[in-house]
Protein backbone atom coordinates (compact mmCIF):
# COMPACT_ATOMS: atom_id res chain seq x y z
CA MET A 1 -59.55 106.56 206.11
CA ASP A 2 -57.40 109.52 205.19
CA ARG A 3 -55.60 108.48 202.03
CA ASN A 4 -53.61 111.73 202.06
CA LEU A 5 -51.71 110.64 205.16
CA LEU A 6 -50.52 107.60 203.21
CA LEU A 7 -49.83 109.43 199.97
CA ASN A 8 -47.86 112.14 201.74
CA ALA A 9 -45.68 109.53 203.42
CA LEU A 10 -44.44 108.16 200.09
CA THR A 11 -41.16 109.35 198.58
CA LYS A 12 -39.58 108.66 195.20
CA GLU A 13 -36.78 106.53 196.60
CA GLY A 14 -36.89 103.01 195.13
CA TYR A 15 -40.24 101.25 195.15
CA GLN A 16 -42.58 101.95 198.08
CA ASP A 17 -46.11 100.92 198.99
CA LEU A 18 -48.42 101.32 201.96
CA ARG A 19 -51.47 99.29 202.90
CA TYR A 20 -53.85 100.38 205.66
CA GLN A 21 -56.75 98.23 206.80
CA LYS A 22 -59.73 98.33 209.12
CA LEU A 23 -60.80 94.79 209.97
CA ASN A 24 -63.97 93.53 211.67
CA LYS A 25 -64.36 89.85 212.60
CA THR A 26 -67.38 88.11 214.09
CA SER A 27 -67.37 84.51 215.33
CA ILE A 28 -70.06 82.40 216.97
CA VAL A 29 -69.22 78.87 218.16
CA VAL A 30 -71.86 76.31 219.11
CA LYS A 31 -71.20 72.93 220.69
CA ASP A 32 -74.15 70.56 220.41
CA ARG A 33 -77.07 72.77 221.54
CA ASP A 34 -75.17 75.49 223.42
CA VAL A 35 -73.46 78.70 222.36
CA LYS A 36 -69.90 78.46 223.64
CA GLU A 37 -68.37 81.64 222.26
CA VAL A 38 -69.37 84.94 220.70
CA SER A 39 -66.63 87.33 219.68
CA VAL A 40 -66.62 90.61 217.75
CA ILE A 41 -63.14 91.97 217.07
CA THR A 42 -62.29 95.29 215.45
CA LYS A 43 -58.72 96.25 214.70
CA SER A 44 -56.81 98.46 212.31
CA GLY A 45 -53.26 98.93 211.17
CA GLY A 46 -50.92 99.26 208.25
CA HIS A 47 -48.08 97.58 206.44
CA ALA A 48 -45.22 99.29 204.61
CA ARG A 49 -42.79 97.91 202.04
CA CYS A 50 -39.77 99.36 200.28
CA LEU A 51 -37.47 97.85 197.68
CA LEU A 52 -34.06 99.47 197.15
CA GLY A 53 -31.59 96.60 197.24
CA GLY A 54 -31.84 92.86 196.94
CA GLY A 55 -35.04 92.45 198.93
CA PHE A 56 -37.99 94.16 200.56
CA GLY A 57 -37.80 96.01 203.82
CA THR A 58 -41.17 95.60 205.58
CA PHE A 59 -42.75 97.14 208.66
CA SER A 60 -46.19 96.83 210.28
CA PHE A 61 -47.75 99.63 212.32
CA ASN A 62 -51.01 100.40 214.11
CA ASN A 63 -51.42 104.17 213.91
CA ILE A 64 -51.86 105.64 210.44
CA ASP A 65 -49.81 108.65 211.58
CA ASP A 66 -46.81 106.31 211.74
CA ALA A 67 -46.77 105.64 207.99
CA SER A 68 -43.76 107.87 207.32
CA MET A 69 -41.79 106.30 210.15
CA ALA A 70 -42.66 102.82 208.85
CA LEU A 71 -41.35 103.65 205.39
CA GLU A 72 -38.13 105.03 206.84
CA GLU A 73 -37.60 101.71 208.63
CA CYS A 74 -38.29 99.82 205.39
CA ILE A 75 -35.81 101.95 203.46
CA ARG A 76 -33.15 101.35 206.09
CA ALA A 77 -33.73 97.58 206.04
CA SER A 78 -33.85 97.21 202.26
CA ARG A 79 -30.53 99.02 201.84
CA LEU A 80 -28.87 96.34 203.95
CA ILE A 81 -29.86 93.55 201.57
CA PRO A 82 -27.26 93.05 198.82
CA GLY A 83 -28.40 92.86 195.21
CA ASN A 84 -30.65 94.75 192.87
CA LYS A 85 -34.06 93.10 192.81
CA LYS A 86 -36.70 94.46 190.40
CA LEU A 87 -40.48 94.17 190.16
CA ALA A 88 -42.52 93.38 187.05
CA LYS A 89 -44.27 96.42 185.65
CA THR A 90 -48.02 96.66 186.20
CA PRO A 91 -50.62 99.27 185.25
CA VAL A 92 -51.15 102.30 187.47
CA ILE A 93 -54.65 101.94 188.90
CA GLN A 94 -56.96 104.32 190.71
CA ASP A 95 -60.15 102.57 191.79
CA LYS A 96 -62.65 102.15 194.59
CA ILE A 97 -64.38 98.81 195.26
CA THR A 98 -67.39 98.56 197.57
CA VAL A 99 -69.34 95.44 198.50
CA GLU A 100 -73.05 95.23 197.70
CA PRO A 101 -74.35 91.92 199.09
CA LYS A 102 -77.91 90.81 198.48
CA THR A 103 -78.31 90.49 202.26
CA ASP A 104 -75.63 92.29 204.23
CA PRO A 105 -74.53 90.17 207.23
CA ARG A 106 -73.48 93.36 209.05
CA GLN A 107 -77.15 94.30 209.19
CA ILE A 108 -78.14 90.99 210.83
CA SER A 109 -78.13 90.99 214.62
CA ILE A 110 -75.91 88.69 216.66
CA ASP A 111 -79.05 87.15 218.16
CA ASP A 112 -80.42 86.28 214.73
CA LYS A 113 -77.11 84.74 213.72
CA LYS A 114 -77.02 82.67 216.90
CA GLU A 115 -80.63 81.57 216.39
CA LEU A 116 -79.94 80.35 212.84
CA LEU A 117 -76.78 78.47 213.83
CA LEU A 118 -78.57 76.88 216.79
CA LYS A 119 -81.50 75.85 214.59
CA TYR A 120 -79.22 73.88 212.30
CA CYS A 121 -77.38 72.34 215.26
CA ASN A 122 -80.66 71.26 216.85
CA ILE A 123 -81.74 69.58 213.60
CA LEU A 124 -78.49 67.61 213.68
CA MET A 125 -78.68 66.77 217.39
CA ASP A 126 -82.33 65.64 217.07
CA TYR A 127 -81.34 63.02 214.49
CA GLU A 128 -80.91 59.64 216.14
CA GLY A 129 -77.29 58.53 216.08
CA ILE A 130 -75.70 61.98 216.03
CA ALA A 131 -73.45 62.22 219.09
CA THR A 132 -71.97 65.69 218.89
CA VAL A 133 -71.80 68.76 216.66
CA THR A 134 -69.38 71.67 216.58
CA ALA A 135 -70.48 74.63 214.47
CA ASP A 136 -68.93 77.98 213.65
CA TYR A 137 -70.39 81.14 212.14
CA TYR A 138 -67.65 83.37 210.75
CA GLU A 139 -67.80 86.85 209.25
CA GLN A 140 -64.99 89.12 208.14
CA PHE A 141 -65.21 92.64 206.73
CA SER A 142 -62.11 94.43 205.50
CA ASP A 143 -61.79 98.04 204.37
CA LYS A 144 -58.35 98.57 202.82
CA ILE A 145 -56.50 101.32 201.05
CA PHE A 146 -53.38 100.61 199.00
CA VAL A 147 -51.03 103.24 197.62
CA ASN A 148 -47.61 103.09 196.02
CA ASN A 149 -45.13 105.63 194.68
CA GLU A 150 -45.92 104.61 191.11
CA GLY A 151 -49.32 106.33 191.38
CA THR A 152 -51.68 103.46 192.24
CA VAL A 153 -54.43 104.25 194.74
CA ILE A 154 -57.01 101.55 195.48
CA GLU A 155 -59.71 101.58 198.13
CA GLN A 156 -61.23 98.12 198.47
CA GLU A 157 -63.88 96.54 200.66
CA GLU A 158 -64.00 92.76 201.10
CA LEU A 159 -66.70 90.79 202.93
CA ILE A 160 -67.15 87.08 203.59
CA CYS A 161 -69.46 85.09 205.85
CA GLY A 162 -70.28 81.44 206.27
CA MET A 163 -71.08 78.50 208.50
CA LYS A 164 -69.19 75.26 208.97
CA PHE A 165 -70.17 72.13 210.88
CA PHE A 166 -68.21 69.14 212.19
CA ILE A 167 -70.70 66.32 212.78
CA THR A 168 -69.97 63.10 214.69
CA SER A 169 -72.17 60.01 214.79
CA GLN A 170 -71.66 57.12 217.20
CA LYS A 171 -72.82 53.54 217.60
CA GLY A 172 -71.05 51.58 220.32
CA ASP A 173 -67.33 51.97 219.73
CA ILE A 174 -67.74 53.16 216.15
CA THR A 175 -67.68 56.87 215.36
CA GLN A 176 -67.82 58.72 212.06
CA GLN A 177 -67.29 62.41 211.31
CA THR A 178 -68.46 64.49 208.38
CA ARG A 179 -68.23 68.16 207.44
CA LEU A 180 -70.77 70.60 206.07
CA SER A 181 -70.48 74.24 205.05
CA PHE A 182 -72.60 77.04 203.62
CA GLY A 183 -71.90 80.54 202.35
CA GLY A 184 -68.30 81.51 201.76
CA ASN A 185 -69.24 84.78 200.09
CA GLN A 186 -70.63 88.26 200.79
CA SER A 187 -74.30 87.55 201.35
CA PHE A 188 -76.08 86.23 204.43
CA HIS A 189 -78.98 84.95 202.33
CA GLU A 190 -76.77 82.05 201.20
CA LEU A 191 -77.01 80.72 204.78
CA LEU A 192 -80.80 80.64 204.93
CA ASP A 193 -83.19 77.75 204.24
CA LYS A 194 -80.60 74.99 204.52
CA GLU A 195 -82.67 72.65 206.68
CA GLU A 196 -82.90 69.90 204.04
CA PHE A 197 -79.14 69.97 203.43
CA VAL A 198 -78.50 69.71 207.17
CA LEU A 199 -80.92 66.79 207.51
CA ALA A 200 -79.38 64.98 204.54
CA LYS A 201 -75.90 65.33 206.04
CA ALA A 202 -77.16 64.00 209.39
CA ARG A 203 -78.63 60.97 207.61
CA GLU A 204 -75.40 60.36 205.70
CA THR A 205 -73.27 60.66 208.85
CA VAL A 206 -75.39 58.08 210.68
CA ASN A 207 -75.52 55.74 207.66
CA LEU A 208 -71.73 55.63 207.67
CA LEU A 209 -71.90 53.79 211.01
CA SER A 210 -73.47 50.80 209.27
CA ALA A 211 -71.10 50.88 206.32
CA ALA A 212 -68.29 48.37 206.04
CA PRO A 213 -64.69 49.62 206.32
CA VAL A 214 -63.16 49.83 202.87
CA THR A 215 -60.79 47.07 201.77
CA GLY A 216 -57.45 48.57 200.84
CA GLY A 217 -56.26 48.15 197.28
CA ILE A 218 -55.96 49.70 193.84
CA TYR A 219 -59.26 50.98 192.46
CA ASP A 220 -60.67 53.01 189.63
CA VAL A 221 -62.35 55.87 191.45
CA ILE A 222 -64.58 58.88 190.96
CA LEU A 223 -63.88 61.90 193.14
CA ASP A 224 -66.83 64.18 193.81
CA SER A 225 -66.32 67.94 193.46
CA ASP A 226 -65.40 68.35 197.14
CA VAL A 227 -62.66 65.70 197.09
CA GLY A 228 -61.46 66.82 193.67
CA GLY A 229 -61.21 70.41 194.88
CA LEU A 230 -59.15 69.39 197.91
CA PHE A 231 -56.87 67.29 195.70
CA ILE A 232 -56.13 70.04 193.18
CA HIS A 233 -55.70 72.71 195.88
CA GLU A 234 -53.36 70.81 198.16
CA ALA A 235 -51.48 68.50 195.80
CA PHE A 236 -51.07 70.84 192.82
CA GLY A 237 -52.09 74.38 193.76
CA HIS A 238 -49.25 75.09 196.16
CA LEU A 239 -46.74 73.90 193.56
CA SER A 240 -48.18 76.53 191.23
CA GLU A 241 -47.41 79.38 193.64
CA ALA A 242 -44.26 80.78 192.05
CA ASP A 243 -42.53 81.75 195.30
CA ASN A 244 -42.49 78.05 196.23
CA LEU A 245 -40.76 77.22 192.94
CA LEU A 246 -38.00 79.81 193.19
CA GLY A 247 -36.54 78.25 196.32
CA SER A 248 -36.34 74.75 194.81
CA PRO A 249 -34.29 74.12 191.64
CA SER A 250 -35.61 70.55 191.35
CA LEU A 251 -39.23 71.67 191.63
CA LYS A 252 -38.60 74.48 189.15
CA LYS A 253 -37.32 71.90 186.66
CA THR A 254 -40.32 69.63 187.26
CA MET A 255 -42.68 72.56 186.78
CA THR A 256 -41.27 73.62 183.41
CA LEU A 257 -43.95 75.32 181.33
CA GLY A 258 -45.04 73.20 178.39
CA THR A 259 -44.59 69.89 180.22
CA ARG A 260 -47.45 67.45 179.69
CA PHE A 261 -49.20 66.79 182.97
CA GLY A 262 -52.34 65.03 181.79
CA ARG A 263 -54.66 64.19 178.93
CA ASP A 264 -56.06 66.79 176.59
CA ILE A 265 -59.27 66.90 178.65
CA LEU A 266 -57.49 68.30 181.73
CA ASN A 267 -57.73 72.03 182.44
CA VAL A 268 -56.85 73.59 185.79
CA ILE A 269 -57.62 77.27 186.39
CA ASP A 270 -57.26 79.79 189.19
CA ASP A 271 -59.74 82.65 188.91
CA PRO A 272 -60.10 85.27 191.68
CA SER A 273 -62.44 87.28 189.45
CA MET A 274 -65.25 84.72 189.78
CA GLU A 275 -67.96 86.21 191.97
CA GLY A 276 -69.51 84.44 194.93
CA ASN A 277 -66.76 82.02 195.96
CA PRO A 278 -64.48 82.03 199.01
CA GLY A 279 -61.39 83.06 197.02
CA SER A 280 -62.97 85.89 195.04
CA TYR A 281 -61.40 89.37 195.04
CA ILE A 282 -60.69 92.25 192.64
CA TYR A 283 -57.20 93.49 193.53
CA ASP A 284 -54.47 91.73 195.45
CA ASP A 285 -52.36 93.34 198.17
CA GLU A 286 -49.89 94.74 195.64
CA GLY A 287 -52.62 96.64 193.80
CA VAL A 288 -52.65 94.17 190.89
CA LYS A 289 -55.92 92.91 189.46
CA GLY A 290 -56.53 89.22 190.14
CA THR A 291 -56.64 87.48 186.75
CA ARG A 292 -57.99 84.18 185.47
CA THR A 293 -54.93 82.01 184.95
CA TYR A 294 -54.70 78.63 183.20
CA LEU A 295 -52.29 76.50 185.20
CA ILE A 296 -52.85 73.40 183.06
CA LYS A 297 -54.41 73.81 179.60
CA ASN A 298 -55.33 70.81 177.45
CA GLY A 299 -53.07 68.67 179.59
CA PHE A 300 -49.97 70.89 179.43
CA LEU A 301 -48.52 73.05 182.22
CA SER A 302 -49.31 76.53 180.97
CA GLY A 303 -48.93 79.01 183.83
CA ARG A 304 -48.41 79.73 187.49
CA LEU A 305 -49.46 82.22 190.13
CA HIS A 306 -47.36 85.33 190.67
CA SER A 307 -46.52 88.36 192.69
CA ARG A 308 -44.73 91.22 190.95
CA GLU A 309 -41.45 89.93 192.35
CA THR A 310 -41.83 86.34 191.14
CA ALA A 311 -43.13 87.46 187.75
CA GLU A 312 -40.00 89.54 187.22
CA GLU A 313 -37.69 86.73 188.32
CA THR A 314 -39.30 84.27 185.91
CA ASN A 315 -39.89 86.79 183.10
CA GLU A 316 -43.62 86.04 183.21
CA ILE A 317 -46.75 88.17 183.58
CA PRO A 318 -48.05 89.17 187.05
CA THR A 319 -51.35 87.45 187.87
CA GLY A 320 -52.47 89.41 190.95
CA HIS A 321 -52.02 86.63 193.50
CA ALA A 322 -49.93 88.38 196.19
CA ARG A 323 -52.06 88.51 199.34
CA ALA A 324 -51.64 88.92 203.07
CA LYS A 325 -53.75 87.62 205.95
CA ASP A 326 -54.01 91.16 207.33
CA PHE A 327 -51.92 94.27 207.93
CA ASN A 328 -49.53 92.40 210.24
CA PHE A 329 -48.19 90.39 207.31
CA THR A 330 -46.42 91.05 204.05
CA PRO A 331 -48.03 89.67 200.86
CA ILE A 332 -47.01 86.26 199.58
CA VAL A 333 -48.26 84.29 196.57
CA ARG A 334 -51.62 82.66 197.34
CA MET A 335 -54.29 80.85 195.36
CA GLY A 336 -57.61 82.56 194.67
CA ASN A 337 -60.27 80.13 193.37
CA ILE A 338 -58.46 77.08 192.00
CA TYR A 339 -60.45 74.37 190.23
CA ILE A 340 -60.45 71.54 187.73
CA ASP A 341 -62.56 72.87 184.89
CA LYS A 342 -65.57 71.00 183.55
CA GLY A 343 -65.33 68.40 180.85
CA THR A 344 -67.99 66.77 178.69
CA ASP A 345 -68.92 63.67 180.70
CA ASN A 346 -72.04 63.29 182.81
CA ILE A 347 -71.77 61.55 186.15
CA GLU A 348 -73.99 58.64 185.08
CA ASP A 349 -71.68 57.74 182.21
CA MET A 350 -68.66 58.03 184.50
CA ILE A 351 -70.18 55.53 186.92
CA LYS A 352 -71.22 53.19 184.10
CA SER A 353 -67.64 53.11 182.81
CA ILE A 354 -66.37 51.35 185.97
CA ASP A 355 -66.81 47.59 186.50
CA TYR A 356 -65.49 47.67 190.05
CA GLY A 357 -64.37 50.80 191.86
CA ILE A 358 -65.38 53.45 194.38
CA TYR A 359 -67.25 56.76 194.25
CA LEU A 360 -65.67 59.01 196.90
CA PHE A 361 -67.54 61.87 198.56
CA GLY A 362 -66.67 64.60 201.03
CA SER A 363 -63.15 65.80 201.82
CA ALA A 364 -61.84 65.32 205.35
CA GLY A 365 -58.38 66.89 205.19
CA GLY A 366 -54.97 65.51 204.34
CA GLN A 367 -51.34 66.24 203.80
CA THR A 368 -48.78 66.56 201.02
CA SER A 369 -45.04 66.12 200.83
CA GLY A 370 -43.54 67.20 197.53
CA GLU A 371 -45.21 65.10 194.85
CA ALA A 372 -46.82 62.67 197.33
CA PHE A 373 -50.24 63.18 198.90
CA THR A 374 -52.57 61.44 201.33
CA PHE A 375 -56.17 62.57 201.85
CA ALA A 376 -58.94 61.34 204.10
CA VAL A 377 -62.43 61.06 202.64
CA GLN A 378 -65.75 61.19 204.49
CA GLY A 379 -67.17 58.15 202.72
CA GLY A 380 -67.79 56.31 199.49
CA TYR A 381 -69.94 53.90 197.53
CA ILE A 382 -68.71 50.74 195.87
CA ILE A 383 -69.27 50.81 192.10
CA ARG A 384 -70.13 47.36 190.80
CA ASN A 385 -70.98 46.65 187.15
CA GLY A 386 -71.50 50.36 186.48
CA LYS A 387 -73.87 50.96 189.41
CA LEU A 388 -73.55 52.59 192.85
CA CYS A 389 -73.90 49.91 195.52
CA GLU A 390 -73.13 49.68 199.23
CA MET A 391 -71.58 52.48 201.27
CA VAL A 392 -68.03 52.12 202.64
CA ARG A 393 -66.15 54.13 205.24
CA ASP A 394 -62.72 54.81 206.80
CA ILE A 395 -61.21 55.75 203.45
CA ALA A 396 -57.86 57.35 202.62
CA LEU A 397 -56.47 57.91 199.14
CA SER A 398 -52.81 58.40 198.36
CA GLY A 399 -50.54 58.68 195.39
CA ASN A 400 -48.08 60.67 193.35
CA LEU A 401 -49.45 63.95 192.03
CA PHE A 402 -48.10 63.71 188.50
CA GLU A 403 -49.06 60.05 188.02
CA THR A 404 -52.55 60.87 189.31
CA LEU A 405 -52.98 63.81 186.92
CA HIS A 406 -52.04 61.56 183.99
CA ASN A 407 -54.56 58.95 185.21
CA ILE A 408 -57.58 61.29 185.03
CA GLU A 409 -59.68 59.62 182.34
CA MET A 410 -63.04 61.42 182.49
CA ILE A 411 -64.18 64.83 183.75
CA GLY A 412 -67.75 65.76 184.63
CA ASN A 413 -69.69 68.54 182.98
CA GLU A 414 -70.35 70.74 186.03
CA VAL A 415 -67.99 72.49 188.46
CA THR A 416 -68.94 72.90 192.12
CA PHE A 417 -66.96 74.94 194.65
CA SER A 418 -66.46 74.25 198.32
CA ARG A 419 -68.46 76.72 200.41
CA VAL A 420 -65.74 77.19 203.01
CA GLY A 421 -62.33 78.69 202.41
CA GLY A 422 -59.17 78.47 204.44
CA CYS A 423 -55.54 77.86 203.52
CA GLY A 424 -52.36 78.04 205.55
CA LYS A 425 -48.94 79.11 204.29
CA SER A 426 -45.93 80.70 206.00
CA GLY A 427 -47.90 81.31 209.17
CA GLN A 428 -50.75 83.06 207.37
CA ILE A 429 -54.14 81.32 207.50
CA LEU A 430 -56.21 82.93 204.76
CA VAL A 431 -60.01 82.64 205.06
CA SER A 432 -60.55 83.85 201.49
CA SER A 433 -59.22 80.89 199.51
CA GLY A 434 -61.48 78.86 197.22
CA LYS A 435 -61.28 75.40 195.68
CA GLY A 436 -63.54 73.39 193.40
CA SER A 437 -63.73 70.79 190.71
CA ALA A 438 -65.89 68.89 188.33
CA PRO A 439 -66.24 65.21 189.29
CA ILE A 440 -63.22 63.29 187.96
CA LYS A 441 -62.60 59.63 187.16
CA ILE A 442 -59.09 58.39 188.00
CA LYS A 443 -57.79 54.95 187.12
CA SER A 444 -55.66 52.83 189.44
CA MET A 445 -55.70 54.88 192.67
CA ALA A 446 -54.34 53.50 195.93
CA ILE A 447 -57.08 53.31 198.58
CA GLY A 448 -56.44 52.47 202.22
CA GLY A 449 -58.60 52.18 205.29
CA LYS A 450 -57.94 53.20 208.87
């Protein structure tokens, strides 16, 4: 890409930035034993922003030669917005980031990718009791350049690939569905040699058919890393995105820094700088370095995620969390890799501490509304007298976020991240969004069945 075309388009009027991107996407979809779709999409375009008045003027364009025209449109729009909005100051950066995966998925043929995906699907379909499988291989490569009229120039490559499976078992009128994913980072080698994991998930999915439906009630529970990661991402993470706070005075009051949200053992962090996870990146789409940010530290609310705009409005430090789905969108505040940090407890001691409760495994989606949440779980095991016993199914957990955070009694000593990203906000579904957790023990959680 010709950075000079972008640099020459900038003027000194107000704040201006330009982002130009070349994007390559590959998708392979398999249903049961058949390839249903193969798509390879290449597109390019840019996004301009200008801040002169009380808000940004923005404009997306396809041809890099239209950068000057795009900025003129942004200037015209921003002047119409009353006010005098400012941005937090950030360092001027000149950098170039290239990806260097152990095994570059761009060097793997489509046929080899199809063969690997089909191999895993056939393992699942060969297992007695598995009724249907839907699988998706996804790959996205982005080559971006960002410039602004403060002097920042960043060229940045980003690459992610992975596989995800939706597996359904059936026995008579009973069906059960589980999810499985691999990869979620730059390297194709993370997708290889997963036969044993696939077989284990097939076995688990079929075993759920023989499990008893859970009896609704209040239980002490242990969430595995997958369920814990979903909980902290959906129920708490979005509340930590500062642009969500600024539009809600009541939420802003609830999320006052320094408020106790849990016991001293509770630490929640968002860290885009961690390598190898779905939400890993170096610079956001405002040219700010993504930084490790404590959201809860030793039980107290200690930070939130920011763009330059929200950091200025709250008089806080930018964290490098302004990102856009692609060049058609303007950046908004998004999580990177959010997780509940490890504690000191091992999983055996956590199980032993419960006389009667449930160990919950595998997230299956859910919804939130303000402080309230409801999540579906793939399955669980009854804990009786400190031991894992029979499997149960058809489980949903619900509660109030802040009560639940205060009820976290034990935290495991190892963090595991989900291997598939994906997060929707304001019409932008972002593939590169990570979530994880250590196993957590929560007292008195409401559990319901189907």
